[in-house]
Amino acid sequence: MKALILAGGEGKRLRPFTYTRPKGMVYIAGKPLLYWIMEELKKAGINEFYIVVQHHKEKIIEYFKEWKNVVFLEQGKEYGTAKAVECAKGSITGEFVVVAGDQLFSHKIVKEVMGRKGKKVAALKEHGEGENYGFVLVEGGRIKEVHEKSERPPSRLINLSIYKFTDEIFNEIQKIEKSSRGEYEITDALAGAEAVITKDFWMDITWPWDMLKANELLLEQMAERRGRIINSTIKGKVIMEEGAVVENSVIEGNVYLGKNTHVGPFAYIRGPTSICDNCSVGGGTTVKASILFPRVNAKHLSYIGDSVIGEDVNFGSSTQLANFRFDGKEVWVETEKGKVNSRRKKLGAFVGDNTKFGVGAMVMPGKVVGNNCWVGSGVVVYKNIPSNKKVFVKHEWIEEG
């Protein structure tokens, strides 16, 4: 069986991380999200992969170019999931599975969808936040209607963006009209599709804090693999890649350490935490329940809690990322869609690629710092910083006597 993975989307809600990569290439548990999607598809018996690329396509192609039986299909300027599926016309015949490239799911869902005999099959799930996903009406085991988001949805069934189609779907796509969002939606072709209502694991990676929950879940499933550990205390599970070293430090799993990552001396790492390849964490630094993308440097008395840190970020001495409000309430995050409740009482910062912090910089809970920023010494970040900005504070020098 073949699988078509829709990975061309820009993923605006995952900014700042998707300014420089597709949403399928954000790191979770040490690997890109697409890696975990393809691993589950393999477990379901998929042996050929077609990946639809567009936004920062080179990142996906570079990472997966050595994988066997992987074909890249470039989406044109017409947007929407229907046009993404249409990219496979002429490349895929017969039956095939389609999955969105911004979610985690159990392979059991895919196997159940594959096992149905219908020409159109869609996986659905009851969800407590149907108002955030839209909803699906089902009659007689088949999809009757797919609706947009509603404050009071008449159904709690949501569409998981996991389908089985035949190549006849390409003819149906030709009849789809542009939606109110200005896109061609594959959901407009789902009427009459056989509904698979699942209770198996599925989660959408919509917001940056969703990455933290996904990281926790994936680390729970991974097998322990220890490497070079020198005079350190290890509690719980640690997954260490080749070249990773822990020196004179304390680790409380579950923790992932990527290739050639060095922890110590005197670091404290608390799970669930993933520290990707070629990072350096030490010198009294604490990292708790966070994701560090490759080549992060945090060696001098810093605190990184419940945060996601992009590539090539440098923390000056005593940089502190606060992760808890004084009043103990849930942390709200300012996004391009307005303020969004993370529904987390512990939430730190989201820091984009190539950003540098000066000595003693502080970031308040739930704040976003973009790519290529400089945050000067002593700055207290109490609001989001857009990409490519330099922020400093002026001090009044008073000399007496």
Protein backbone atom coordinates (compact mmCIF):
# COMPACT_ATOMS: atom_id res chain seq x y z
CA MET A 1 0.00 0.00 0.00
CA LYS A 2 1.12 3.54 -0.77
CA ALA A 3 0.77 6.58 1.48
CA LEU A 4 0.48 10.23 0.49
CA ILE A 5 1.65 12.62 3.21
CA LEU A 6 0.46 16.22 2.93
CA ALA A 7 3.46 18.21 4.15
CA GLY A 8 3.40 21.35 2.03
CA GLY A 9 1.58 23.61 4.47
CA GLU A 10 3.17 26.68 5.99
CA GLY A 11 2.01 26.03 9.54
CA LYS A 12 1.56 29.66 10.60
CA ARG A 13 0.33 28.72 14.07
CA LEU A 14 3.64 26.98 14.80
CA ARG A 15 5.64 30.15 14.27
CA PRO A 16 8.41 31.12 14.94
CA PHE A 17 9.59 27.57 14.18
CA THR A 18 7.90 27.37 10.78
CA TYR A 19 9.45 30.58 9.49
CA THR A 20 12.49 28.47 8.57
CA ARG A 21 11.06 24.97 8.11
CA PRO A 22 7.83 23.16 7.18
CA LYS A 23 5.62 22.21 10.10
CA GLY A 24 6.48 18.55 9.51
CA MET A 25 10.13 19.34 10.27
CA VAL A 26 9.71 20.68 13.80
CA TYR A 27 11.62 18.51 16.26
CA ILE A 28 9.79 16.30 18.74
CA ALA A 29 11.59 13.66 20.80
CA GLY A 30 14.76 14.34 18.85
CA LYS A 31 13.33 13.76 15.36
CA PRO A 32 11.21 15.72 12.87
CA LEU A 33 7.47 15.22 13.17
CA LEU A 34 7.42 13.63 9.70
CA TYR A 35 9.82 10.95 10.93
CA TRP A 36 7.33 9.81 13.56
CA ILE A 37 4.46 9.88 11.05
CA MET A 38 6.36 7.65 8.65
CA GLU A 39 7.34 5.24 11.41
CA GLU A 40 3.68 4.69 12.29
CA LEU A 41 2.79 4.25 8.62
CA LYS A 42 5.47 1.57 8.34
CA LYS A 43 3.94 -0.26 11.31
CA ALA A 44 0.62 -0.22 9.44
CA GLY A 45 2.22 -1.97 6.47
CA ILE A 46 2.88 1.03 4.22
CA ASN A 47 5.96 0.51 2.07
CA GLU A 48 5.83 3.40 -0.43
CA PHE A 49 5.73 7.06 0.54
CA TYR A 50 4.77 10.11 -1.49
CA ILE A 51 5.39 13.40 0.30
CA VAL A 52 3.74 16.60 -0.94
CA VAL A 53 6.16 19.49 -0.41
CA GLN A 54 5.99 23.25 -0.90
CA HIS A 55 6.95 25.56 1.99
CA HIS A 56 10.73 25.16 2.61
CA LYS A 57 10.61 21.95 0.60
CA GLU A 58 14.41 21.64 0.65
CA LYS A 59 14.34 20.81 4.37
CA ILE A 60 12.17 17.74 3.82
CA ILE A 61 14.01 16.61 0.70
CA GLU A 62 17.41 16.89 2.38
CA TYR A 63 16.36 14.90 5.45
CA PHE A 64 14.55 12.06 3.66
CA LYS A 65 16.50 11.86 0.39
CA GLU A 66 18.34 8.69 1.49
CA TRP A 67 15.18 6.89 2.57
CA LYS A 68 14.02 4.06 0.32
CA ASN A 69 10.75 4.26 -1.61
CA VAL A 70 10.19 7.96 -0.94
CA VAL A 71 8.95 10.24 -3.75
CA PHE A 72 8.59 14.02 -3.42
CA LEU A 73 5.68 15.77 -5.15
CA GLU A 74 5.71 19.55 -5.33
CA GLN A 75 2.46 21.41 -4.80
CA GLY A 76 1.84 24.36 -7.09
CA LYS A 77 0.45 27.79 -6.27
CA GLU A 78 -3.13 26.57 -5.79
CA TYR A 79 -3.67 26.04 -2.07
CA GLY A 80 -5.68 23.54 -0.07
CA THR A 81 -5.74 19.87 0.84
CA ALA A 82 -7.61 18.89 -2.33
CA LYS A 83 -4.88 20.37 -4.52
CA ALA A 84 -2.29 18.66 -2.35
CA VAL A 85 -3.94 15.28 -2.95
CA GLU A 86 -4.20 16.07 -6.65
CA CYS A 87 -0.40 16.27 -6.78
CA ALA A 88 -0.41 12.46 -6.77
CA LYS A 89 -2.41 12.22 -10.00
CA GLY A 90 -0.34 10.29 -12.49
CA SER A 91 2.00 8.98 -9.78
CA ILE A 92 -0.40 6.85 -7.74
CA THR A 93 -2.97 4.41 -9.09
CA GLY A 94 -5.40 2.17 -7.24
CA GLU A 95 -5.86 2.46 -3.49
CA PHE A 96 -3.74 4.71 -1.30
CA VAL A 97 -3.74 6.22 2.17
CA VAL A 98 -3.64 9.97 2.78
CA VAL A 99 -2.48 11.55 6.04
CA ALA A 100 -1.84 15.13 7.09
CA GLY A 101 1.75 15.94 7.99
CA ASP A 102 1.02 17.84 11.20
CA GLN A 103 -0.31 15.17 13.54
CA LEU A 104 0.65 12.14 15.60
CA PHE A 105 -1.44 8.98 15.52
CA SER A 106 -1.43 5.28 16.23
CA HIS A 107 -0.76 2.97 13.30
CA LYS A 108 -3.87 1.07 14.40
CA ILE A 109 -6.04 3.85 12.95
CA VAL A 110 -4.32 3.54 9.57
CA LYS A 111 -4.67 -0.24 9.58
CA GLU A 112 -8.37 -0.01 10.28
CA VAL A 113 -8.86 2.53 7.49
CA MET A 114 -6.86 0.34 5.10
CA GLY A 115 -8.97 -2.67 6.02
CA ARG A 116 -12.28 -1.16 4.93
CA LYS A 117 -13.53 -1.97 1.42
CA GLY A 118 -15.00 1.41 0.51
CA LYS A 119 -13.51 3.63 -2.18
CA LYS A 120 -13.54 6.54 0.26
CA VAL A 121 -12.82 5.94 3.94
CA ALA A 122 -12.18 8.57 6.63
CA ALA A 123 -11.08 8.24 10.25
CA LEU A 124 -13.09 10.17 12.84
CA LYS A 125 -12.86 10.55 16.59
CA GLU A 126 -14.98 11.95 19.38
CA HIS A 127 -13.21 15.01 20.70
CA GLY A 128 -14.01 17.38 23.54
CA GLU A 129 -12.94 20.39 21.47
CA GLY A 130 -15.10 19.93 18.41
CA GLU A 131 -15.64 23.68 18.30
CA ASN A 132 -11.93 24.07 17.46
CA TYR A 133 -11.81 21.45 14.71
CA GLY A 134 -15.12 21.55 12.93
CA PHE A 135 -17.40 18.55 13.12
CA VAL A 136 -18.68 15.65 11.05
CA LEU A 137 -22.24 14.31 10.81
CA VAL A 138 -22.52 10.57 10.20
CA GLU A 139 -25.60 8.59 9.15
CA GLY A 140 -25.68 4.86 8.57
CA GLY A 141 -21.93 4.56 8.96
CA ARG A 142 -21.20 7.12 6.26
CA ILE A 143 -20.28 10.77 6.33
CA LYS A 144 -23.24 12.99 5.58
CA GLU A 145 -21.74 16.44 6.12
CA VAL A 146 -18.50 18.10 7.19
CA HIS A 147 -19.01 21.46 8.88
CA GLU A 148 -16.82 24.37 9.85
CA LYS A 149 -16.04 25.25 13.46
CA SER A 150 -19.01 26.11 15.65
CA GLU A 151 -19.39 27.25 19.24
CA ARG A 152 -22.12 24.62 19.71
CA PRO A 153 -21.37 21.78 17.32
CA PRO A 154 -24.18 19.21 16.99
CA SER A 155 -21.58 16.45 16.81
CA ARG A 156 -18.39 15.68 18.73
CA LEU A 157 -16.93 13.73 15.84
CA ILE A 158 -13.94 15.41 14.23
CA ASN A 159 -12.11 14.58 11.02
CA LEU A 160 -8.60 13.19 11.67
CA SER A 161 -7.29 13.82 8.13
CA ILE A 162 -6.51 10.11 7.74
CA TYR A 163 -8.13 8.66 4.62
CA LYS A 164 -8.13 5.82 2.16
CA PHE A 165 -8.99 6.72 -1.44
CA THR A 166 -8.80 5.16 -4.86
CA ASP A 167 -7.53 7.07 -7.88
CA GLU A 168 -11.16 7.94 -8.63
CA ILE A 169 -10.76 10.74 -6.06
CA PHE A 170 -8.87 12.77 -8.66
CA ASN A 171 -12.05 13.08 -10.74
CA GLU A 172 -13.98 14.30 -7.69
CA ILE A 173 -11.33 16.90 -6.92
CA GLN A 174 -11.97 18.50 -10.31
CA LYS A 175 -15.49 19.38 -9.11
CA ILE A 176 -14.42 21.02 -5.84
CA GLU A 177 -14.89 24.77 -5.67
CA LYS A 178 -12.77 27.22 -3.72
CA SER A 179 -13.81 27.54 -0.08
CA SER A 180 -14.43 30.72 1.90
CA ARG A 181 -10.79 30.47 3.01
CA GLY A 182 -9.69 30.68 -0.61
CA GLU A 183 -8.54 27.05 -0.68
CA TYR A 184 -9.67 23.77 -2.25
CA GLU A 185 -10.64 21.45 0.61
CA ILE A 186 -10.55 17.65 0.37
CA THR A 187 -13.33 17.58 2.97
CA ASP A 188 -15.69 18.74 0.21
CA ALA A 189 -15.24 15.29 -1.35
CA LEU A 190 -15.99 13.28 1.80
CA ALA A 191 -19.78 13.03 1.51
CA GLY A 192 -20.67 9.33 1.34
CA ALA A 193 -17.29 8.19 2.65
CA GLU A 194 -17.25 5.23 5.01
CA ALA A 195 -16.64 6.47 8.56
CA VAL A 196 -14.13 4.77 10.87
CA ILE A 197 -14.75 6.03 14.40
CA THR A 198 -11.65 5.29 16.43
CA LYS A 199 -10.66 5.44 20.08
CA ASP A 200 -6.96 4.98 19.36
CA PHE A 201 -4.34 7.64 19.98
CA TRP A 202 -4.37 10.78 17.84
CA MET A 203 -3.29 14.36 18.44
CA ASP A 204 -2.98 17.44 16.29
CA ILE A 205 0.18 19.57 16.44
CA THR A 206 -1.48 22.96 16.10
CA TRP A 207 0.38 25.24 18.53
CA PRO A 208 3.97 25.22 19.80
CA TRP A 209 2.86 23.98 23.23
CA ASP A 210 1.33 20.93 21.54
CA MET A 211 4.90 19.94 20.73
CA LEU A 212 5.64 19.68 24.45
CA LYS A 213 2.77 17.24 25.03
CA ALA A 214 3.75 15.20 21.97
CA ASN A 215 7.34 15.13 23.21
CA GLU A 216 6.20 13.69 26.53
CA LEU A 217 4.11 10.97 24.86
CA LEU A 218 6.82 9.89 22.42
CA LEU A 219 9.52 9.74 25.08
CA GLU A 220 7.33 7.38 27.09
CA GLN A 221 7.32 4.94 24.15
CA MET A 222 11.04 5.04 23.32
CA ALA A 223 13.44 2.35 24.51
CA GLU A 224 16.25 3.33 26.85
CA ARG A 225 19.72 3.57 25.30
CA ARG A 226 22.57 4.84 27.42
CA GLY A 227 25.94 6.11 26.25
CA ARG A 228 28.95 7.72 27.90
CA ILE A 229 28.07 8.78 31.45
CA ILE A 230 30.80 10.20 33.70
CA ASN A 231 30.30 10.74 37.46
CA SER A 232 26.61 11.51 37.02
CA THR A 233 23.31 10.57 38.65
CA ILE A 234 20.69 9.11 36.32
CA LYS A 235 17.10 8.50 37.42
CA GLY A 236 14.53 7.20 34.99
CA LYS A 237 14.89 6.58 31.26
CA VAL A 238 17.58 8.21 29.14
CA ILE A 239 17.93 7.77 25.38
CA MET A 240 21.42 8.72 24.19
CA GLU A 241 22.52 8.84 20.56
CA GLU A 242 26.07 8.21 19.32
CA GLY A 243 28.59 10.65 20.73
CA ALA A 244 26.33 11.99 23.49
CA VAL A 245 28.07 12.55 26.83
CA VAL A 246 26.79 13.24 30.35
CA GLU A 247 29.45 14.55 32.73
CA ASN A 248 29.10 15.40 36.43
CA SER A 249 25.38 16.10 36.08
CA VAL A 250 21.95 14.94 37.23
CA ILE A 251 19.34 13.62 34.81
CA GLU A 252 15.78 12.65 35.72
CA GLY A 253 14.14 10.95 32.76
CA ASN A 254 12.48 10.63 30.42
CA VAL A 255 15.23 12.45 28.53
CA TYR A 256 16.53 12.25 24.95
CA LEU A 257 20.07 13.37 24.07
CA GLY A 258 20.99 13.68 20.39
CA LYS A 259 24.22 12.91 18.58
CA ASN A 260 27.34 14.62 19.94
CA THR A 261 25.37 16.50 22.58
CA HIS A 262 27.30 17.30 25.75
CA VAL A 263 25.58 17.66 29.11
CA GLY A 264 27.70 18.99 31.97
CA PRO A 265 29.47 19.68 34.06
CA PHE A 266 26.87 20.49 36.72
CA ALA A 267 23.73 20.45 34.58
CA TYR A 268 20.31 19.35 35.82
CA ILE A 269 18.02 17.86 33.15
CA ARG A 270 14.43 16.97 34.09
CA GLY A 271 12.13 15.09 31.78
CA PRO A 272 10.21 15.00 29.63
CA THR A 273 13.02 16.76 27.75
CA SER A 274 14.55 16.33 24.31
CA ILE A 275 17.92 17.86 23.53
CA CYS A 276 18.76 17.39 19.85
CA ASP A 277 22.10 16.91 18.08
CA ASN A 278 25.21 18.96 18.81
CA CYS A 279 23.84 20.86 21.82
CA SER A 280 25.84 21.90 24.85
CA VAL A 281 24.20 22.27 28.27
CA GLY A 282 26.19 22.72 31.47
CA GLY A 283 27.67 25.09 34.01
CA GLY A 284 24.76 25.07 36.44
CA THR A 285 22.04 25.17 33.79
CA THR A 286 18.66 23.50 34.39
CA VAL A 287 16.50 22.24 31.53
CA LYS A 288 13.05 20.99 32.50
CA ALA A 289 10.26 19.55 30.28
CA SER A 290 11.55 21.28 27.15
CA ILE A 291 12.60 20.72 23.54
CA LEU A 292 15.96 22.01 22.33
CA PHE A 293 16.49 21.92 18.57
CA PRO A 294 20.03 21.22 17.24
CA ARG A 295 23.06 23.30 18.23
CA VAL A 296 21.64 25.09 21.26
CA ASN A 297 24.26 26.44 23.66
CA ALA A 298 23.25 26.91 27.32
CA LYS A 299 26.34 26.57 29.49
CA HIS A 300 26.13 29.28 32.13
CA LEU A 301 23.64 29.17 35.03
CA SER A 302 20.50 29.38 32.87
CA TYR A 303 16.98 28.04 33.45
CA ILE A 304 14.93 26.64 30.55
CA GLY A 305 11.54 25.30 31.64
CA ASP A 306 8.54 24.07 29.62
CA SER A 307 9.95 25.77 26.53
CA VAL A 308 10.73 25.09 22.88
CA ILE A 309 14.06 26.43 21.63
CA GLY A 310 14.97 26.69 17.94
CA GLU A 311 18.27 25.89 16.23
CA ASP A 312 21.53 27.75 16.97
CA VAL A 313 20.21 29.64 20.01
CA ASN A 314 22.77 30.90 22.52
CA PHE A 315 21.98 31.61 26.17
CA GLY A 316 24.19 34.12 27.94
CA SER A 317 25.02 33.57 31.59
CA SER A 318 21.99 33.50 33.91
CA THR A 319 19.34 33.68 31.19
CA GLN A 320 16.04 32.71 32.81
CA LEU A 321 12.90 31.51 31.00
CA ALA A 322 10.09 31.79 33.55
CA ASN A 323 7.38 29.14 33.32
CA PHE A 324 4.85 29.89 36.07
CA ARG A 325 2.58 32.85 36.80
CA PHE A 326 2.45 34.34 40.30
CA ASP A 327 -1.30 33.75 40.43
CA GLY A 328 -0.99 30.13 39.30
CA LYS A 329 -3.42 30.61 36.42
CA GLU A 330 -3.16 29.07 32.96
CA VAL A 331 -0.75 30.80 30.60
CA TRP A 332 -2.16 32.67 27.61
CA VAL A 333 -0.02 33.19 24.51
CA GLU A 334 -0.24 36.12 22.11
CA THR A 335 -0.43 34.71 18.55
CA GLU A 336 -1.28 35.99 15.09
CA LYS A 337 -4.80 34.72 15.81
CA GLY A 338 -5.01 36.77 19.02
CA LYS A 339 -4.56 35.56 22.58
CA VAL A 340 -4.86 31.78 22.97
CA ASN A 341 -5.18 29.86 26.22
CA SER A 342 -2.49 27.18 26.31
CA ARG A 343 -4.42 25.42 29.10
CA ARG A 344 -1.08 24.87 30.79
CA LYS A 345 -0.15 26.28 34.16
CA LYS A 346 3.50 25.59 33.42
CA LEU A 347 4.64 27.17 30.16
CA GLY A 348 7.90 28.90 29.33
CA ALA A 349 9.06 30.55 26.11
CA PHE A 350 9.15 29.80 22.39
CA VAL A 351 12.43 30.96 20.90
CA GLY A 352 13.16 31.00 17.16
CA ASP A 353 16.36 30.04 15.35
CA ASN A 354 19.63 31.99 15.64
CA THR A 355 18.56 34.11 18.61
CA LYS A 356 21.05 35.24 21.26
CA PHE A 357 20.46 36.21 24.90
CA GLY A 358 22.75 38.49 26.86
CA VAL A 359 23.79 38.07 30.48
CA GLY A 360 20.87 38.08 32.90
CA ALA A 361 18.09 38.27 30.32
CA MET A 362 14.67 37.08 31.49
CA VAL A 363 11.62 35.92 29.52
CA MET A 364 8.17 35.84 31.11
CA PRO A 365 5.81 32.81 30.74
CA GLY A 366 4.28 32.18 27.32
CA LYS A 367 6.30 34.78 25.43
CA VAL A 368 7.52 34.29 21.86
CA VAL A 369 10.93 35.46 20.68
CA GLY A 370 11.37 35.29 16.91
CA ASN A 371 14.28 34.26 14.72
CA ASN A 372 17.57 36.15 14.51
CA CYS A 373 16.92 38.27 17.60
CA TRP A 374 19.32 39.80 20.08
CA VAL A 375 18.02 40.10 23.62
CA GLY A 376 20.43 42.30 25.54
CA SER A 377 21.81 41.94 29.03
CA GLY A 378 19.27 42.55 31.76
CA VAL A 379 16.27 42.72 29.42
CA VAL A 380 12.97 41.46 30.84
CA VAL A 381 10.89 40.16 27.93
CA TYR A 382 7.29 40.86 28.96
CA LYS A 383 5.86 40.89 25.41
CA ASN A 384 6.58 39.01 22.18
CA ILE A 385 9.62 40.01 20.13
CA PRO A 386 9.22 39.77 16.32
CA SER A 387 11.97 38.19 14.23
CA ASN A 388 15.08 40.16 13.30
CA LYS A 389 14.82 42.57 16.24
CA LYS A 390 17.42 43.73 18.76
CA VAL A 391 16.12 44.62 22.21
CA PHE A 392 18.25 46.40 24.83
CA VAL A 393 17.61 48.36 28.04
CA LYS A 394 19.11 51.69 29.00
CA HIS A 395 20.45 52.11 32.52
CA GLU A 396 21.03 55.42 34.20
CA TRP A 397 24.55 55.61 35.57
CA ILE A 398 24.69 57.56 38.85
CA GLU A 399 28.11 58.07 40.36
CA GLU A 400 28.42 59.74 43.76
CA GLY A 401 31.21 60.61 46.16
